[in-house]
């Protein structure tokens, strides 16, 4: 579309009037193109023309209201249609498409939600409002300006979308880094837990060894005590025998 709006030597200014989701295609390396990509109209070559006068036509909801009223097609008319496509991408559904549980999407609703900071009501539920969404929605909103003079050029739209893409990539990289940190902390915690379990097992093993050692030390003492007890019994028997002999003599 940017090429349509940029006149070159021997190639006139053109406008597509065909910017809508059903005609947007992706080529190699994610390069966008419009299906049936011939411009709706072209000016004369080598003339500084910035508008075309045609019979008003196009898909309702995508067409610039000013173009529908005057029949004057400008590059700003394409910018308006592209703004509609951008909001469709942001909301994850086509304009005027019935989705259960969600309001029917149209330009007035999109602009009102943006003005009232309520984009979350119509945004794709898989998206979260962040810096790249803010950048994306801002340029989409500007494309839908009522006054053609208030709409950005396709060059500016491209710059803003590239910036939004950079913000998205930065956010994804940050999320990956955070996930990596969380995983690392989890692994560290798991490692500490294993270390604690190992130390506990060692403590139990050491306690068992100490118990066995103490039992081993107590066994000789027990044996000595048993020997002393037997010795005492023997001496006692000897004393009793001696006493009995002495009593018999007397």
C-alpha atoms as a PDB file:
ATOM      1  CA  UNK A   1       0.000   0.000   0.000  1.00  0.00           C
ATOM      2  CA  UNK A   2       2.879   2.320   0.753  1.00  0.00           C
ATOM      3  CA  UNK A   3       4.069   1.820  -2.832  1.00  0.00           C
ATOM      4  CA  UNK A   4       0.657   2.844  -4.170  1.00  0.00           C
ATOM      5  CA  UNK A   5       0.940   6.131  -2.318  1.00  0.00           C
ATOM      6  CA  UNK A   6       4.467   6.914  -3.469  1.00  0.00           C
ATOM      7  CA  UNK A   7       4.740   8.262  -7.048  1.00  0.00           C
ATOM      8  CA  UNK A   8       7.891   7.444  -8.997  1.00  0.00           C
ATOM      9  CA  UNK A   9       9.074   8.738 -12.386  1.00  0.00           C
ATOM     10  CA  UNK A  10       6.747   7.427 -15.080  1.00  0.00           C
ATOM     11  CA  UNK A  11       4.515   5.849 -12.408  1.00  0.00           C
ATOM     12  CA  UNK A  12       1.573   7.847 -11.070  1.00  0.00           C
ATOM     13  CA  UNK A  13       0.101   8.085  -7.615  1.00  0.00           C
ATOM     14  CA  UNK A  14      -2.426   5.364  -6.842  1.00  0.00           C
ATOM     15  CA  UNK A  15      -4.860   4.325  -4.155  1.00  0.00           C
ATOM     16  CA  UNK A  16      -6.058   0.797  -3.533  1.00  0.00           C
ATOM     17  CA  UNK A  17      -9.402   1.180  -1.725  1.00  0.00           C
ATOM     18  CA  UNK A  18      -9.002  -2.548  -0.989  1.00  0.00           C
ATOM     19  CA  UNK A  19      -7.438  -2.626   2.451  1.00  0.00           C
ATOM     20  CA  UNK A  20      -9.361  -5.196   4.456  1.00  0.00           C
ATOM     21  CA  UNK A  21      -8.590  -8.438   6.238  1.00  0.00           C
ATOM     22  CA  UNK A  22      -9.973 -10.761   3.577  1.00  0.00           C
ATOM     23  CA  UNK A  23      -7.606  -9.281   0.991  1.00  0.00           C
ATOM     24  CA  UNK A  24      -4.504  -9.179   3.166  1.00  0.00           C
ATOM     25  CA  UNK A  25      -1.971 -11.887   2.339  1.00  0.00           C
ATOM     26  CA  UNK A  26       1.481 -12.852   3.592  1.00  0.00           C
ATOM     27  CA  UNK A  27       4.350 -13.547   1.235  1.00  0.00           C
ATOM     28  CA  UNK A  28       7.812 -14.945   1.887  1.00  0.00           C
ATOM     29  CA  UNK A  29       9.525 -13.666   5.042  1.00  0.00           C
ATOM     30  CA  UNK A  30       6.179 -12.383   6.364  1.00  0.00           C
ATOM     31  CA  UNK A  31       5.928  -9.620   3.776  1.00  0.00           C
ATOM     32  CA  UNK A  32       2.381  -8.329   3.423  1.00  0.00           C
ATOM     33  CA  UNK A  33       0.509  -7.792   0.181  1.00  0.00           C
ATOM     34  CA  UNK A  34      -3.024  -7.086  -0.959  1.00  0.00           C
ATOM     35  CA  UNK A  35      -4.785  -9.767  -2.934  1.00  0.00           C
ATOM     36  CA  UNK A  36      -5.879  -8.545  -6.361  1.00  0.00           C
ATOM     37  CA  UNK A  37      -3.321  -5.898  -5.674  1.00  0.00           C
ATOM     38  CA  UNK A  38      -3.995  -3.577  -8.605  1.00  0.00           C
ATOM     39  CA  UNK A  39      -4.849  -0.102  -7.372  1.00  0.00           C
ATOM     40  CA  UNK A  40      -8.457   1.017  -7.520  1.00  0.00           C
ATOM     41  CA  UNK A  41      -7.326   4.049  -9.451  1.00  0.00           C
ATOM     42  CA  UNK A  42      -4.232   5.900 -10.609  1.00  0.00           C
ATOM     43  CA  UNK A  43      -3.535   9.469 -11.544  1.00  0.00           C
ATOM     44  CA  UNK A  44      -1.607  10.537 -14.596  1.00  0.00           C
ATOM     45  CA  UNK A  45       2.081   9.787 -14.762  1.00  0.00           C
ATOM     46  CA  UNK A  46       4.530  12.582 -13.906  1.00  0.00           C
ATOM     47  CA  UNK A  47       1.767  14.712 -12.390  1.00  0.00           C
ATOM     48  CA  UNK A  48       1.647  15.756  -8.764  1.00  0.00           C
ATOM     49  CA  UNK A  49      -1.759  14.233  -8.024  1.00  0.00           C
ATOM     50  CA  UNK A  50      -2.794  13.297  -4.496  1.00  0.00           C
ATOM     51  CA  UNK A  51      -6.413  12.253  -5.063  1.00  0.00           C
ATOM     52  CA  UNK A  52      -8.657  10.443  -7.532  1.00  0.00           C
ATOM     53  CA  UNK A  53     -12.303  11.051  -8.337  1.00  0.00           C
ATOM     54  CA  UNK A  54     -14.161   7.763  -8.756  1.00  0.00           C
ATOM     55  CA  UNK A  55     -17.583   6.281  -8.331  1.00  0.00           C
ATOM     56  CA  UNK A  56     -17.813   5.598  -4.607  1.00  0.00           C
ATOM     57  CA  UNK A  57     -17.554   1.907  -3.873  1.00  0.00           C
ATOM     58  CA  UNK A  58     -16.019  -0.565  -1.485  1.00  0.00           C
ATOM     59  CA  UNK A  59     -16.865  -2.689   1.515  1.00  0.00           C
ATOM     60  CA  UNK A  60     -19.063  -1.104   4.159  1.00  0.00           C
ATOM     61  CA  UNK A  61     -17.160  -0.615   7.418  1.00  0.00           C
ATOM     62  CA  UNK A  62     -13.767  -0.348   5.730  1.00  0.00           C
ATOM     63  CA  UNK A  63     -14.375   2.659   3.488  1.00  0.00           C
ATOM     64  CA  UNK A  64     -13.445   6.186   4.463  1.00  0.00           C
ATOM     65  CA  UNK A  65     -16.734   8.016   5.252  1.00  0.00           C
ATOM     66  CA  UNK A  66     -15.474  11.104   3.441  1.00  0.00           C
ATOM     67  CA  UNK A  67     -14.763   9.057   0.337  1.00  0.00           C
ATOM     68  CA  UNK A  68     -18.233   7.503   0.484  1.00  0.00           C
ATOM     69  CA  UNK A  69     -19.715  11.011   0.610  1.00  0.00           C
ATOM     70  CA  UNK A  70     -17.574  12.817  -1.986  1.00  0.00           C
ATOM     71  CA  UNK A  71     -16.277  10.019  -4.217  1.00  0.00           C
ATOM     72  CA  UNK A  72     -12.774  11.506  -3.820  1.00  0.00           C
ATOM     73  CA  UNK A  73     -10.303   8.730  -3.122  1.00  0.00           C
ATOM     74  CA  UNK A  74      -7.043   9.744  -1.439  1.00  0.00           C
ATOM     75  CA  UNK A  75      -4.183   7.938   0.204  1.00  0.00           C
ATOM     76  CA  UNK A  76      -5.753   8.965   3.524  1.00  0.00           C
ATOM     77  CA  UNK A  77      -8.768   6.879   2.487  1.00  0.00           C
ATOM     78  CA  UNK A  78      -6.511   3.827   2.383  1.00  0.00           C
ATOM     79  CA  UNK A  79      -5.047   4.777   5.759  1.00  0.00           C
ATOM     80  CA  UNK A  80      -8.567   4.740   7.226  1.00  0.00           C
ATOM     81  CA  UNK A  81      -9.256   1.268   5.801  1.00  0.00           C
ATOM     82  CA  UNK A  82      -5.923   0.030   7.104  1.00  0.00           C
ATOM     83  CA  UNK A  83      -6.813   1.353  10.562  1.00  0.00           C
ATOM     84  CA  UNK A  84      -9.889  -0.859  10.478  1.00  0.00           C
ATOM     85  CA  UNK A  85      -7.681  -3.848   9.635  1.00  0.00           C
ATOM     86  CA  UNK A  86      -5.344  -2.982  12.521  1.00  0.00           C
ATOM     87  CA  UNK A  87      -8.231  -2.944  14.986  1.00  0.00           C
ATOM     88  CA  UNK A  88      -9.429  -6.286  13.623  1.00  0.00           C
ATOM     89  CA  UNK A  89      -5.965  -7.705  14.302  1.00  0.00           C
ATOM     90  CA  UNK A  90      -5.993  -6.209  17.809  1.00  0.00           C
ATOM     91  CA  UNK A  91      -9.450  -7.595  18.582  1.00  0.00           C
ATOM     92  CA  UNK A  92      -8.990 -10.970  16.922  1.00  0.00           C
ATOM     93  CA  UNK A  93     -12.167 -10.794  14.854  1.00  0.00           C
ATOM     94  CA  UNK A  94     -13.632  -9.082  11.810  1.00  0.00           C
ATOM     95  CA  UNK A  95     -15.750  -5.964  11.968  1.00  0.00           C
ATOM     96  CA  UNK A  96     -19.502  -6.664  12.084  1.00  0.00           C
ATOM     97  CA  UNK A  97     -18.758 -10.295  12.967  1.00  0.00           C
ATOM     98  CA  UNK A  98     -21.050 -11.851  15.586  1.00  0.00           C
ATOM     99  CA  UNK A  99     -19.075 -13.439  18.430  1.00  0.00           C
ATOM    100  CA  UNK A 100     -20.987 -14.981  21.373  1.00  0.00           C
ATOM    101  CA  UNK A 101     -20.528 -12.971  24.542  1.00  0.00           C
ATOM    102  CA  UNK A 102     -18.844 -10.023  22.812  1.00  0.00           C
ATOM    103  CA  UNK A 103     -20.211  -6.817  21.267  1.00  0.00           C
ATOM    104  CA  UNK A 104     -20.244  -6.504  17.500  1.00  0.00           C
ATOM    105  CA  UNK A 105     -17.080  -4.671  16.490  1.00  0.00           C
ATOM    106  CA  UNK A 106     -17.299  -1.460  14.462  1.00  0.00           C
ATOM    107  CA  UNK A 107     -15.382   1.798  14.097  1.00  0.00           C
ATOM    108  CA  UNK A 108     -17.431   3.828  16.572  1.00  0.00           C
ATOM    109  CA  UNK A 109     -17.091   1.139  19.243  1.00  0.00           C
ATOM    110  CA  UNK A 110     -13.337   0.835  18.654  1.00  0.00           C
ATOM    111  CA  UNK A 111     -12.835   4.585  18.933  1.00  0.00           C
ATOM    112  CA  UNK A 112     -15.059   4.875  22.003  1.00  0.00           C
ATOM    113  CA  UNK A 113     -13.230   2.076  23.820  1.00  0.00           C
ATOM    114  CA  UNK A 114      -9.919   3.726  23.014  1.00  0.00           C
ATOM    115  CA  UNK A 115     -11.117   7.153  24.203  1.00  0.00           C
ATOM    116  CA  UNK A 116     -12.463   5.686  27.445  1.00  0.00           C
ATOM    117  CA  UNK A 117      -9.374   3.501  28.049  1.00  0.00           C
ATOM    118  CA  UNK A 118     -11.517   0.359  27.807  1.00  0.00           C
ATOM    119  CA  UNK A 119      -9.768  -1.481  24.990  1.00  0.00           C
ATOM    120  CA  UNK A 120      -9.691  -4.592  27.164  1.00  0.00           C
ATOM    121  CA  UNK A 121     -13.421  -4.949  26.507  1.00  0.00           C
ATOM    122  CA  UNK A 122     -12.882  -5.613  22.796  1.00  0.00           C
ATOM    123  CA  UNK A 123      -9.266  -6.815  22.645  1.00  0.00           C
ATOM    124  CA  UNK A 124      -8.364 -10.378  21.793  1.00  0.00           C
ATOM    125  CA  UNK A 125      -8.530 -12.248  25.101  1.00  0.00           C
ATOM    126  CA  UNK A 126      -5.167 -13.849  24.381  1.00  0.00           C
ATOM    127  CA  UNK A 127      -3.526 -10.411  24.516  1.00  0.00           C
ATOM    128  CA  UNK A 128      -2.687  -8.356  27.562  1.00  0.00           C
ATOM    129  CA  UNK A 129      -2.477  -4.585  27.538  1.00  0.00           C
ATOM    130  CA  UNK A 130       1.200  -3.640  27.442  1.00  0.00           C
ATOM    131  CA  UNK A 131       3.562  -1.173  25.790  1.00  0.00           C
ATOM    132  CA  UNK A 132       3.416  -2.782  22.360  1.00  0.00           C
ATOM    133  CA  UNK A 133      -0.394  -2.932  22.461  1.00  0.00           C
ATOM    134  CA  UNK A 134      -0.439   0.721  23.486  1.00  0.00           C
ATOM    135  CA  UNK A 135       1.778   1.654  20.525  1.00  0.00           C
ATOM    136  CA  UNK A 136      -0.223  -0.520  18.127  1.00  0.00           C
ATOM    137  CA  UNK A 137      -3.628   0.749  19.231  1.00  0.00           C
ATOM    138  CA  UNK A 138      -2.495   4.377  19.186  1.00  0.00           C
ATOM    139  CA  UNK A 139      -1.545   4.327  15.505  1.00  0.00           C
ATOM    140  CA  UNK A 140      -4.661   2.298  14.643  1.00  0.00           C
ATOM    141  CA  UNK A 141      -6.794   4.923  16.378  1.00  0.00           C
ATOM    142  CA  UNK A 142      -5.069   7.748  14.498  1.00  0.00           C
ATOM    143  CA  UNK A 143      -5.825   6.019  11.202  1.00  0.00           C
ATOM    144  CA  UNK A 144      -9.564   6.256  11.966  1.00  0.00           C
ATOM    145  CA  UNK A 145      -9.559  10.026  12.429  1.00  0.00           C
ATOM    146  CA  UNK A 146     -12.676  11.663  10.945  1.00  0.00           C
ATOM    147  CA  UNK A 147     -10.627  14.365   9.278  1.00  0.00           C
ATOM    148  CA  UNK A 148      -8.317  13.035   6.564  1.00  0.00           C
ATOM    149  CA  UNK A 149      -5.714  15.648   7.538  1.00  0.00           C
ATOM    150  CA  UNK A 150      -5.567  14.159  11.013  1.00  0.00           C
ATOM    151  CA  UNK A 151      -4.577  10.709   9.752  1.00  0.00           C
ATOM    152  CA  UNK A 152      -0.926   9.613   9.637  1.00  0.00           C
ATOM    153  CA  UNK A 153       0.944   8.784   6.452  1.00  0.00           C
ATOM    154  CA  UNK A 154       1.633   5.156   5.621  1.00  0.00           C
ATOM    155  CA  UNK A 155       5.325   5.904   6.270  1.00  0.00           C
ATOM    156  CA  UNK A 156       4.473   6.895   9.853  1.00  0.00           C
ATOM    157  CA  UNK A 157       2.138   3.920  10.239  1.00  0.00           C
ATOM    158  CA  UNK A 158       4.954   1.619   9.173  1.00  0.00           C
ATOM    159  CA  UNK A 159       7.374   3.244  11.623  1.00  0.00           C
ATOM    160  CA  UNK A 160       4.910   2.897  14.492  1.00  0.00           C
ATOM    161  CA  UNK A 161       4.166  -0.733  13.679  1.00  0.00           C
ATOM    162  CA  UNK A 162       7.890  -1.507  13.535  1.00  0.00           C
ATOM    163  CA  UNK A 163       8.290   0.139  16.943  1.00  0.00           C
ATOM    164  CA  UNK A 164       5.365  -1.898  18.289  1.00  0.00           C
ATOM    165  CA  UNK A 165       7.053  -5.040  16.961  1.00  0.00           C
ATOM    166  CA  UNK A 166      10.304  -4.093  18.682  1.00  0.00           C
ATOM    167  CA  UNK A 167       8.434  -3.558  21.957  1.00  0.00           C
ATOM    168  CA  UNK A 168       6.766  -6.947  21.546  1.00  0.00           C
ATOM    169  CA  UNK A 169      10.106  -8.650  20.958  1.00  0.00           C
ATOM    170  CA  UNK A 170      11.586  -6.903  23.996  1.00  0.00           C
ATOM    171  CA  UNK A 171       8.641  -7.980  26.112  1.00  0.00           C
ATOM    172  CA  UNK A 172       8.913 -11.583  24.923  1.00  0.00           C
ATOM    173  CA  UNK A 173      12.658 -11.565  25.615  1.00  0.00           C
ATOM    174  CA  UNK A 174      11.991 -10.166  29.096  1.00  0.00           C
ATOM    175  CA  UNK A 175       9.370 -12.828  29.770  1.00  0.00           C
ATOM    176  CA  UNK A 176      11.750 -15.552  28.618  1.00  0.00           C
ATOM    177  CA  UNK A 177      14.428 -14.141  30.903  1.00  0.00           C
ATOM    178  CA  UNK A 178      12.015 -14.065  33.828  1.00  0.00           C
ATOM    179  CA  UNK A 179      10.965 -17.646  33.117  1.00  0.00           C
ATOM    180  CA  UNK A 180      14.627 -18.654  32.967  1.00  0.00           C
ATOM    181  CA  UNK A 181      15.255 -16.955  36.346  1.00  0.00           C
ATOM    182  CA  UNK A 182      12.241 -18.696  37.864  1.00  0.00           C
ATOM    183  CA  UNK A 183      13.441 -22.032  36.492  1.00  0.00           C
ATOM    184  CA  UNK A 184      16.930 -21.398  37.836  1.00  0.00           C
ATOM    185  CA  UNK A 185      15.554 -20.530  41.275  1.00  0.00           C
ATOM    186  CA  UNK A 186      13.399 -23.634  41.183  1.00  0.00           C
ATOM    187  CA  UNK A 187      16.405 -25.765  40.281  1.00  0.00           C
ATOM    188  CA  UNK A 188      18.410 -24.123  43.040  1.00  0.00           C
ATOM    189  CA  UNK A 189      15.606 -24.719  45.520  1.00  0.00           C
ATOM    190  CA  UNK A 190      15.336 -28.297  44.346  1.00  0.00           C
ATOM    191  CA  UNK A 191      19.088 -28.667  44.743  1.00  0.00           C
ATOM    192  CA  UNK A 192      18.931 -27.251  48.273  1.00  0.00           C
ATOM    193  CA  UNK A 193      16.084 -29.581  49.103  1.00  0.00           C
ATOM    194  CA  UNK A 194      18.100 -32.536  47.877  1.00  0.00           C
ATOM    195  CA  UNK A 195      21.069 -31.290  49.898  1.00  0.00           C
ATOM    196  CA  UNK A 196      18.911 -31.042  53.031  1.00  0.00           C
ATOM    197  CA  UNK A 197      17.557 -34.528  52.421  1.00  0.00           C
ATOM    198  CA  UNK A 198      21.101 -35.843  51.948  1.00  0.00           C
ATOM    199  CA  UNK A 199      22.265 -34.191  55.191  1.00  0.00           C
ATOM    200  CA  UNK A 200      19.277 -35.612  57.026  1.00  0.00           C
ATOM    201  CA  UNK A 201      20.080 -39.074  55.701  1.00  0.00           C
ATOM    202  CA  UNK A 202      23.688 -38.621  56.804  1.00  0.00           C
ATOM    203  CA  UNK A 203      22.540 -37.544  60.259  1.00  0.00           C
ATOM    204  CA  UNK A 204      20.352 -40.621  60.561  1.00  0.00           C
ATOM    205  CA  UNK A 205      23.207 -42.825  59.385  1.00  0.00           C
ATOM    206  CA  UNK A 206      25.628 -41.201  61.804  1.00  0.00           C
ATOM    207  CA  UNK A 207      23.144 -41.681  64.646  1.00  0.00           C
ATOM    208  CA  UNK A 208      22.825 -45.375  63.803  1.00  0.00           C
ATOM    209  CA  UNK A 209      26.594 -45.760  63.657  1.00  0.00           C
ATOM    210  CA  UNK A 210      26.960 -43.953  66.997  1.00  0.00           C
ATOM    211  CA  UNK A 211      24.296 -46.157  68.543  1.00  0.00           C
ATOM    212  CA  UNK A 212      26.035 -49.287  67.294  1.00  0.00           C
ATOM    213  CA  UNK A 213      29.338 -47.963  68.621  1.00  0.00           C
ATOM    214  CA  UNK A 214      27.862 -47.237  72.041  1.00  0.00           C
ATOM    215  CA  UNK A 215      26.299 -50.668  72.113  1.00  0.00           C
ATOM    216  CA  UNK A 216      29.645 -52.154  71.229  1.00  0.00           C
ATOM    217  CA  UNK A 217      31.243 -50.261  74.126  1.00  0.00           C
ATOM    218  CA  UNK A 218      28.551 -51.312  76.591  1.00  0.00           C
ATOM    219  CA  UNK A 219      28.903 -55.020  75.772  1.00  0.00           C
ATOM    220  CA  UNK A 220      32.322 -55.496  77.451  1.00  0.00           C
ATOM    221  CA  UNK A 221      31.081 -53.552  80.463  1.00  0.00           C
ATOM    222  CA  UNK A 222      28.108 -55.851  80.642  1.00  0.00           C
ATOM    223  CA  UNK A 223      30.351 -58.847  80.362  1.00  0.00           C
ATOM    224  CA  UNK A 224      32.608 -57.469  83.117  1.00  0.00           C
ATOM    225  CA  UNK A 225      29.598 -56.859  85.304  1.00  0.00           C
ATOM    226  CA  UNK A 226      28.412 -60.392  84.629  1.00  0.00           C
ATOM    227  CA  UNK A 227      31.839 -61.794  85.555  1.00  0.00           C
ATOM    228  CA  UNK A 228      31.931 -59.777  88.745  1.00  0.00           C
ATOM    229  CA  UNK A 229      28.491 -61.005  89.624  1.00  0.00           C
ATOM    230  CA  UNK A 230      29.564 -64.596  89.081  1.00  0.00           C
ATOM    231  CA  UNK A 231      32.704 -63.986  91.120  1.00  0.00           C
ATOM    232  CA  UNK A 232      30.617 -62.583  93.961  1.00  0.00           C
ATOM    233  CA  UNK A 233      28.352 -65.596  93.868  1.00  0.00           C
ATOM    234  CA  UNK A 234      31.384 -67.911  93.938  1.00  0.00           C
ATOM    235  CA  UNK A 235      32.927 -66.083  96.891  1.00  0.00           C
ATOM    236  CA  UNK A 236      29.633 -66.132  98.690  1.00  0.00           C
ATOM    237  CA  UNK A 237      29.388 -69.879  98.178  1.00  0.00           C
ATOM    238  CA  UNK A 238      32.927 -70.337  99.425  1.00  0.00           C
ATOM    239  CA  UNK A 239      32.221 -68.309 102.537  1.00  0.00           C
ATOM    240  CA  UNK A 240      29.099 -70.291 103.235  1.00  0.00           C
ATOM    241  CA  UNK A 241      31.030 -73.558 102.765  1.00  0.00           C
ATOM    242  CA  UNK A 242      33.767 -72.470 105.139  1.00  0.00           C
ATOM    243  CA  UNK A 243      31.196 -71.482 107.752  1.00  0.00           C
ATOM    244  CA  UNK A 244      29.462 -74.796 107.466  1.00  0.00           C
ATOM    245  CA  UNK A 245      32.755 -76.689 107.950  1.00  0.00           C
ATOM    246  CA  UNK A 246      33.638 -74.657 110.987  1.00  0.00           C
ATOM    247  CA  UNK A 247      30.243 -75.258 112.488  1.00  0.00           C
ATOM    248  CA  UNK A 248      30.580 -78.996 111.981  1.00  0.00           C
ATOM    249  CA  UNK A 249      33.971 -79.067 113.694  1.00  0.00           C
ATOM    250  CA  UNK A 250      32.662 -77.330 116.765  1.00  0.00           C
END
